[in-house]
Amino acid sequence: MKREQKREFANDSEQEFAQLLLRHNIQYQYEPTTFVLLSNSDGNVLEAMSPDFYLEEYDLFIELTVMKQELVTKKPKRSQS
């Protein structure tokens, strides 16, 4: 079975996920497709998304997100009456 070549990932989570897939012999493509989410009337792309992984065997796109710690805030507690 063909192994994925070493490549640059956007973050450590993507790298770890790729390694997990390979350990389980799951082949993947990294950012193979870009989906247009929003375009203007002239057809210019305003928003687009390239999911991180595509698992052809499962016809499944996977997007990993990581939360930047500096953006995390505590959720306010609701008082119970």
C-alpha atoms as a PDB file:
ATOM      1  CA  MET A   1       0.000   0.000   0.000  1.00  0.00           C
ATOM      2  CA  LYS A   2       1.340   3.425  -0.942  1.00  0.00           C
ATOM      3  CA  ARG A   3       2.475   5.616   1.950  1.00  0.00           C
ATOM      4  CA  GLU A   4       1.840   9.368   1.964  1.00  0.00           C
ATOM      5  CA  GLN A   5       4.952  11.475   1.410  1.00  0.00           C
ATOM      6  CA  LYS A   6       6.209  13.826   4.113  1.00  0.00           C
ATOM      7  CA  ARG A   7       4.604  17.220   3.753  1.00  0.00           C
ATOM      8  CA  GLU A   8       4.014  20.464   5.574  1.00  0.00           C
ATOM      9  CA  PHE A   9       0.825  20.582   7.599  1.00  0.00           C
ATOM     10  CA  ALA A  10      -0.855  23.707   8.918  1.00  0.00           C
ATOM     11  CA  ASN A  11      -0.542  22.547  12.532  1.00  0.00           C
ATOM     12  CA  ASP A  12       0.544  19.641  14.738  1.00  0.00           C
ATOM     13  CA  SER A  13      -3.000  18.263  14.932  1.00  0.00           C
ATOM     14  CA  GLU A  14      -3.073  17.708  11.171  1.00  0.00           C
ATOM     15  CA  GLN A  15       0.309  15.986  11.319  1.00  0.00           C
ATOM     16  CA  GLU A  16      -0.845  13.691  14.124  1.00  0.00           C
ATOM     17  CA  PHE A  17      -4.090  12.893  12.330  1.00  0.00           C
ATOM     18  CA  ALA A  18      -2.188  12.002   9.141  1.00  0.00           C
ATOM     19  CA  GLN A  19       0.050   9.675  11.139  1.00  0.00           C
ATOM     20  CA  LEU A  20      -2.997   8.053  12.728  1.00  0.00           C
ATOM     21  CA  LEU A  21      -4.545   7.454   9.306  1.00  0.00           C
ATOM     22  CA  LEU A  22      -1.346   5.896   8.005  1.00  0.00           C
ATOM     23  CA  ARG A  23      -0.970   3.650  11.074  1.00  0.00           C
ATOM     24  CA  HIS A  24      -4.406   2.265  10.213  1.00  0.00           C
ATOM     25  CA  ASN A  25      -3.560   1.970   6.496  1.00  0.00           C
ATOM     26  CA  ILE A  26      -6.109   4.610   5.557  1.00  0.00           C
ATOM     27  CA  GLN A  27      -4.987   6.495   2.492  1.00  0.00           C
ATOM     28  CA  TYR A  28      -5.758  10.194   2.312  1.00  0.00           C
ATOM     29  CA  GLN A  29      -5.322  13.263   0.182  1.00  0.00           C
ATOM     30  CA  TYR A  30      -4.319  16.509   1.849  1.00  0.00           C
ATOM     31  CA  GLU A  31      -6.355  19.575   0.862  1.00  0.00           C
ATOM     32  CA  PRO A  32      -7.233  18.190  -2.581  1.00  0.00           C
ATOM     33  CA  THR A  33     -10.335  20.293  -3.243  1.00  0.00           C
ATOM     34  CA  THR A  34     -11.497  23.841  -2.699  1.00  0.00           C
ATOM     35  CA  PHE A  35     -15.210  24.477  -2.354  1.00  0.00           C
ATOM     36  CA  VAL A  36     -16.582  27.903  -3.212  1.00  0.00           C
ATOM     37  CA  LEU A  37     -18.928  28.999  -0.433  1.00  0.00           C
ATOM     38  CA  LEU A  38     -19.747  32.475  -1.655  1.00  0.00           C
ATOM     39  CA  SER A  39     -19.198  34.376  -4.876  1.00  0.00           C
ATOM     40  CA  ASN A  40     -20.413  37.702  -6.168  1.00  0.00           C
ATOM     41  CA  SER A  41     -22.541  38.314  -9.271  1.00  0.00           C
ATOM     42  CA  ASP A  42     -19.383  38.524 -11.417  1.00  0.00           C
ATOM     43  CA  GLY A  43     -18.325  35.048 -10.292  1.00  0.00           C
ATOM     44  CA  ASN A  44     -15.466  36.277  -8.127  1.00  0.00           C
ATOM     45  CA  VAL A  45     -14.877  34.004  -5.144  1.00  0.00           C
ATOM     46  CA  LEU A  46     -15.557  35.769  -1.859  1.00  0.00           C
ATOM     47  CA  GLU A  47     -15.319  32.769   0.473  1.00  0.00           C
ATOM     48  CA  ALA A  48     -13.913  29.308  -0.087  1.00  0.00           C
ATOM     49  CA  MET A  49     -12.885  26.294   1.961  1.00  0.00           C
ATOM     50  CA  SER A  50     -10.315  23.561   1.404  1.00  0.00           C
ATOM     51  CA  PRO A  51     -11.005  20.672   3.805  1.00  0.00           C
ATOM     52  CA  ASP A  52      -7.830  19.230   5.294  1.00  0.00           C
ATOM     53  CA  PHE A  53      -8.272  15.573   4.390  1.00  0.00           C
ATOM     54  CA  TYR A  54     -10.163  13.507   1.875  1.00  0.00           C
ATOM     55  CA  LEU A  55     -10.552   9.771   2.480  1.00  0.00           C
ATOM     56  CA  GLU A  56     -11.433   8.399  -0.940  1.00  0.00           C
ATOM     57  CA  GLU A  57     -12.267   4.923   0.373  1.00  0.00           C
ATOM     58  CA  TYR A  58     -15.014   6.487   2.504  1.00  0.00           C
ATOM     59  CA  ASP A  59     -15.855   9.432   0.220  1.00  0.00           C
ATOM     60  CA  LEU A  60     -15.327  11.619   3.271  1.00  0.00           C
ATOM     61  CA  PHE A  61     -13.874  15.105   3.717  1.00  0.00           C
ATOM     62  CA  ILE A  62     -12.469  15.989   7.142  1.00  0.00           C
ATOM     63  CA  GLU A  63     -11.660  19.454   8.439  1.00  0.00           C
ATOM     64  CA  LEU A  64      -9.635  19.658  11.636  1.00  0.00           C
ATOM     65  CA  THR A  65      -9.827  22.804  13.689  1.00  0.00           C
ATOM     66  CA  VAL A  66      -7.711  23.804  16.630  1.00  0.00           C
ATOM     67  CA  MET A  67      -8.670  26.357  19.191  1.00  0.00           C
ATOM     68  CA  LYS A  68      -6.108  29.041  19.876  1.00  0.00           C
ATOM     69  CA  GLN A  69      -5.694  29.193  23.628  1.00  0.00           C
ATOM     70  CA  GLU A  70      -5.617  33.001  23.646  1.00  0.00           C
ATOM     71  CA  LEU A  71      -9.121  33.022  22.144  1.00  0.00           C
ATOM     72  CA  VAL A  72     -10.579  30.747  24.809  1.00  0.00           C
ATOM     73  CA  THR A  73     -12.726  32.436  27.415  1.00  0.00           C
ATOM     74  CA  LYS A  74     -14.593  30.928  30.308  1.00  0.00           C
ATOM     75  CA  LYS A  75     -18.241  30.376  29.646  1.00  0.00           C
ATOM     76  CA  PRO A  76     -20.282  32.501  32.039  1.00  0.00           C
ATOM     77  CA  LYS A  77     -22.192  30.493  34.590  1.00  0.00           C
ATOM     78  CA  ARG A  78     -25.919  30.901  34.564  1.00  0.00           C
ATOM     79  CA  SER A  79     -27.519  31.453  37.900  1.00  0.00           C
ATOM     80  CA  GLN A  80     -30.361  29.131  38.724  1.00  0.00           C
ATOM     81  CA  SER A  81     -33.436  30.707  40.218  1.00  0.00           C
END
